[in-house]
Amino acid sequence: QVQLVESGGGLVQAGGSLTLSCAASENIYNFNAIAWYRQTPGKQRELVAKINVGGRIDSVEDRFTVSRDNAANAVYLHMNRLKPEDTAVYYCNTNILRRNYWGQGTQVTVSS
C-alpha cells in the first residue's frame, strides 16, 4: 500500500512563494509519475503539475514547478507569485497499475 503525505501548506500573502512536500512510503522510482492536484469546494480536482520517472516536468502554470529528491523519496511543488485564486487543498497523487493513490492534502490559503 503506497502512502503519500503532503506538508508545507499554510497562509501566504499574494505575490509570495510556498513549497509543498510530498513524502512517499517507497522508492519514487517505482512510480511512473507523481502529480500535484488541487481542489476548491464544489469543484473537481485539477492537475497542477507532474514529474515523471525520467524527470520530465509538466505544469499548467509557469509560476509552478516540480522537483524531487530521490534519496528522500519526496517530490516538491514550488509555487511562486501566488494569487488568491491559488487557494485550495493541494494533493499529491500517483498511479500504479491503474490504481490511484492520494495523500490527505494540505491547505494553501493566499490572502490578497
C-alpha atoms as a PDB file:
ATOM      1  CA  GLN A   1       0.000   0.000   0.000  1.00  0.00           C
ATOM      2  CA  VAL A   2       1.593   3.214  -1.173  1.00  0.00           C
ATOM      3  CA  GLN A   3       1.291   6.139   1.185  1.00  0.00           C
ATOM      4  CA  LEU A   4       1.746   9.764   0.251  1.00  0.00           C
ATOM      5  CA  VAL A   5       1.951  12.519   2.830  1.00  0.00           C
ATOM      6  CA  GLU A   6       1.772  16.181   1.901  1.00  0.00           C
ATOM      7  CA  SER A   7       3.059  19.017   4.022  1.00  0.00           C
ATOM      8  CA  GLY A   8       4.062  22.631   3.729  1.00  0.00           C
ATOM      9  CA  GLY A   9       0.712  24.298   3.238  1.00  0.00           C
ATOM     10  CA  GLY A  10      -0.269  27.441   5.057  1.00  0.00           C
ATOM     11  CA  LEU A  11      -1.236  31.063   4.751  1.00  0.00           C
ATOM     12  CA  VAL A  12       0.744  33.283   2.423  1.00  0.00           C
ATOM     13  CA  GLN A  13       0.248  36.746   1.009  1.00  0.00           C
ATOM     14  CA  ALA A  14      -0.404  37.284  -2.664  1.00  0.00           C
ATOM     15  CA  GLY A  15       2.847  37.505  -4.559  1.00  0.00           C
ATOM     16  CA  GLY A  16       4.608  35.210  -2.133  1.00  0.00           C
ATOM     17  CA  SER A  17       6.049  31.740  -2.577  1.00  0.00           C
ATOM     18  CA  LEU A  18       5.440  28.388  -0.984  1.00  0.00           C
ATOM     19  CA  THR A  19       6.912  24.935  -1.389  1.00  0.00           C
ATOM     20  CA  LEU A  20       4.821  21.851  -0.731  1.00  0.00           C
ATOM     21  CA  SER A  21       6.322  18.460   0.011  1.00  0.00           C
ATOM     22  CA  CYS A  22       5.053  15.008  -0.800  1.00  0.00           C
ATOM     23  CA  ALA A  23       6.738  12.164   1.040  1.00  0.00           C
ATOM     24  CA  ALA A  24       6.265   8.691  -0.387  1.00  0.00           C
ATOM     25  CA  SER A  25       6.388   5.462   1.564  1.00  0.00           C
ATOM     26  CA  GLU A  26       8.575   3.774  -1.030  1.00  0.00           C
ATOM     27  CA  ASN A  27      11.115   4.473  -3.714  1.00  0.00           C
ATOM     28  CA  ILE A  28       9.679   7.065  -6.086  1.00  0.00           C
ATOM     29  CA  TYR A  29      11.415   5.362  -8.992  1.00  0.00           C
ATOM     30  CA  ASN A  30       8.636   2.794  -8.640  1.00  0.00           C
ATOM     31  CA  PHE A  31       6.206   5.426  -9.874  1.00  0.00           C
ATOM     32  CA  ASN A  32       5.825   6.381 -13.499  1.00  0.00           C
ATOM     33  CA  ALA A  33       4.910   9.857 -12.379  1.00  0.00           C
ATOM     34  CA  ILE A  34       3.938  11.859  -9.346  1.00  0.00           C
ATOM     35  CA  ALA A  35       1.433  14.630  -9.800  1.00  0.00           C
ATOM     36  CA  TRP A  36       0.105  17.529  -7.836  1.00  0.00           C
ATOM     37  CA  TYR A  37      -3.599  18.355  -7.949  1.00  0.00           C
ATOM     38  CA  ARG A  38      -5.652  20.979  -6.197  1.00  0.00           C
ATOM     39  CA  GLN A  39      -9.266  21.257  -5.253  1.00  0.00           C
ATOM     40  CA  THR A  40     -11.559  24.022  -4.074  1.00  0.00           C
ATOM     41  CA  PRO A  41     -15.012  23.464  -2.550  1.00  0.00           C
ATOM     42  CA  GLY A  42     -17.588  22.446  -5.100  1.00  0.00           C
ATOM     43  CA  LYS A  43     -15.063  21.852  -7.847  1.00  0.00           C
ATOM     44  CA  GLN A  44     -13.281  18.828  -9.217  1.00  0.00           C
ATOM     45  CA  ARG A  45      -9.637  18.252  -8.545  1.00  0.00           C
ATOM     46  CA  GLU A  46      -7.480  19.754 -11.218  1.00  0.00           C
ATOM     47  CA  LEU A  47      -3.987  18.849 -12.277  1.00  0.00           C
ATOM     48  CA  VAL A  48      -1.381  21.428 -11.361  1.00  0.00           C
ATOM     49  CA  ALA A  49       1.923  19.825 -12.279  1.00  0.00           C
ATOM     50  CA  LYS A  50       3.628  16.472 -12.532  1.00  0.00           C
ATOM     51  CA  ILE A  51       7.033  14.913 -12.869  1.00  0.00           C
ATOM     52  CA  ASN A  52       7.659  11.560 -14.487  1.00  0.00           C
ATOM     53  CA  VAL A  53      10.269   8.964 -13.706  1.00  0.00           C
ATOM     54  CA  GLY A  54      12.520  10.369 -16.411  1.00  0.00           C
ATOM     55  CA  GLY A  55      12.403  13.807 -14.841  1.00  0.00           C
ATOM     56  CA  ARG A  56      10.120  15.448 -17.356  1.00  0.00           C
ATOM     57  CA  ILE A  57       8.011  18.178 -15.781  1.00  0.00           C
ATOM     58  CA  ASP A  58       4.629  19.302 -16.976  1.00  0.00           C
ATOM     59  CA  SER A  59       2.960  22.259 -15.329  1.00  0.00           C
ATOM     60  CA  VAL A  60      -0.229  24.104 -16.117  1.00  0.00           C
ATOM     61  CA  GLU A  61       1.177  27.228 -14.501  1.00  0.00           C
ATOM     62  CA  ASP A  62       4.507  28.768 -15.395  1.00  0.00           C
ATOM     63  CA  ARG A  63       4.582  30.011 -11.810  1.00  0.00           C
ATOM     64  CA  PHE A  64       4.710  26.425 -10.547  1.00  0.00           C
ATOM     65  CA  THR A  65       7.352  23.790 -10.942  1.00  0.00           C
ATOM     66  CA  VAL A  66       8.155  20.388  -9.507  1.00  0.00           C
ATOM     67  CA  SER A  67      11.340  18.863  -8.218  1.00  0.00           C
ATOM     68  CA  ARG A  68      12.219  15.617  -6.495  1.00  0.00           C
ATOM     69  CA  ASP A  69      14.680  14.218  -4.015  1.00  0.00           C
ATOM     70  CA  ASN A  70      15.202  10.560  -4.815  1.00  0.00           C
ATOM     71  CA  ALA A  71      17.127   9.854  -1.648  1.00  0.00           C
ATOM     72  CA  ALA A  72      14.281  11.225   0.451  1.00  0.00           C
ATOM     73  CA  ASN A  73      11.545   9.669  -1.701  1.00  0.00           C
ATOM     74  CA  ALA A  74       9.999  13.106  -1.900  1.00  0.00           C
ATOM     75  CA  VAL A  75       8.560  15.379  -4.527  1.00  0.00           C
ATOM     76  CA  TYR A  76       8.099  19.090  -4.135  1.00  0.00           C
ATOM     77  CA  LEU A  77       5.781  21.659  -5.652  1.00  0.00           C
ATOM     78  CA  HIS A  78       7.354  25.085  -5.834  1.00  0.00           C
ATOM     79  CA  MET A  79       4.793  27.831  -6.184  1.00  0.00           C
ATOM     80  CA  ASN A  80       5.761  31.399  -6.948  1.00  0.00           C
ATOM     81  CA  ARG A  81       3.885  34.680  -7.388  1.00  0.00           C
ATOM     82  CA  LEU A  82       0.895  33.180  -5.649  1.00  0.00           C
ATOM     83  CA  LYS A  83      -2.565  34.573  -6.269  1.00  0.00           C
ATOM     84  CA  PRO A  84      -5.720  34.380  -4.146  1.00  0.00           C
ATOM     85  CA  GLU A  85      -7.199  32.051  -6.765  1.00  0.00           C
ATOM     86  CA  ASP A  86      -4.458  29.551  -5.956  1.00  0.00           C
ATOM     87  CA  THR A  87      -6.189  28.976  -2.630  1.00  0.00           C
ATOM     88  CA  ALA A  88      -7.073  25.289  -2.480  1.00  0.00           C
ATOM     89  CA  VAL A  89      -6.268  21.966  -0.922  1.00  0.00           C
ATOM     90  CA  TYR A  90      -3.272  20.517  -2.725  1.00  0.00           C
ATOM     91  CA  TYR A  91      -2.928  16.775  -3.164  1.00  0.00           C
ATOM     92  CA  CYS A  92      -0.102  14.512  -4.185  1.00  0.00           C
ATOM     93  CA  ASN A  93      -1.007  11.642  -6.500  1.00  0.00           C
ATOM     94  CA  THR A  94       0.485   8.660  -8.220  1.00  0.00           C
ATOM     95  CA  ASN A  95      -0.981   5.867 -10.267  1.00  0.00           C
ATOM     96  CA  ILE A  96       0.331   2.330 -10.077  1.00  0.00           C
ATOM     97  CA  LEU A  97      -1.192  -0.447 -12.147  1.00  0.00           C
ATOM     98  CA  ARG A  98      -4.204   1.773 -12.843  1.00  0.00           C
ATOM     99  CA  ARG A  99      -4.840   2.412  -9.166  1.00  0.00           C
ATOM    100  CA  ASN A 100      -4.745   5.951  -7.900  1.00  0.00           C
ATOM    101  CA  TYR A 101      -3.082   6.833  -4.628  1.00  0.00           C
ATOM    102  CA  TRP A 102      -3.710  10.143  -2.912  1.00  0.00           C
ATOM    103  CA  GLY A 103      -2.346  11.913   0.069  1.00  0.00           C
ATOM    104  CA  GLN A 104      -4.555  13.586   2.640  1.00  0.00           C
ATOM    105  CA  GLY A 105      -3.972  17.034   1.166  1.00  0.00           C
ATOM    106  CA  THR A 106      -2.530  20.247   2.503  1.00  0.00           C
ATOM    107  CA  GLN A 107      -4.348  23.560   2.605  1.00  0.00           C
ATOM    108  CA  VAL A 108      -2.889  26.583   0.869  1.00  0.00           C
ATOM    109  CA  THR A 109      -4.517  29.937   1.503  1.00  0.00           C
ATOM    110  CA  VAL A 110      -3.397  33.030  -0.352  1.00  0.00           C
ATOM    111  CA  SER A 111      -4.538  36.331   1.081  1.00  0.00           C
ATOM    112  CA  SER A 112      -4.989  39.414  -1.048  1.00  0.00           C
END
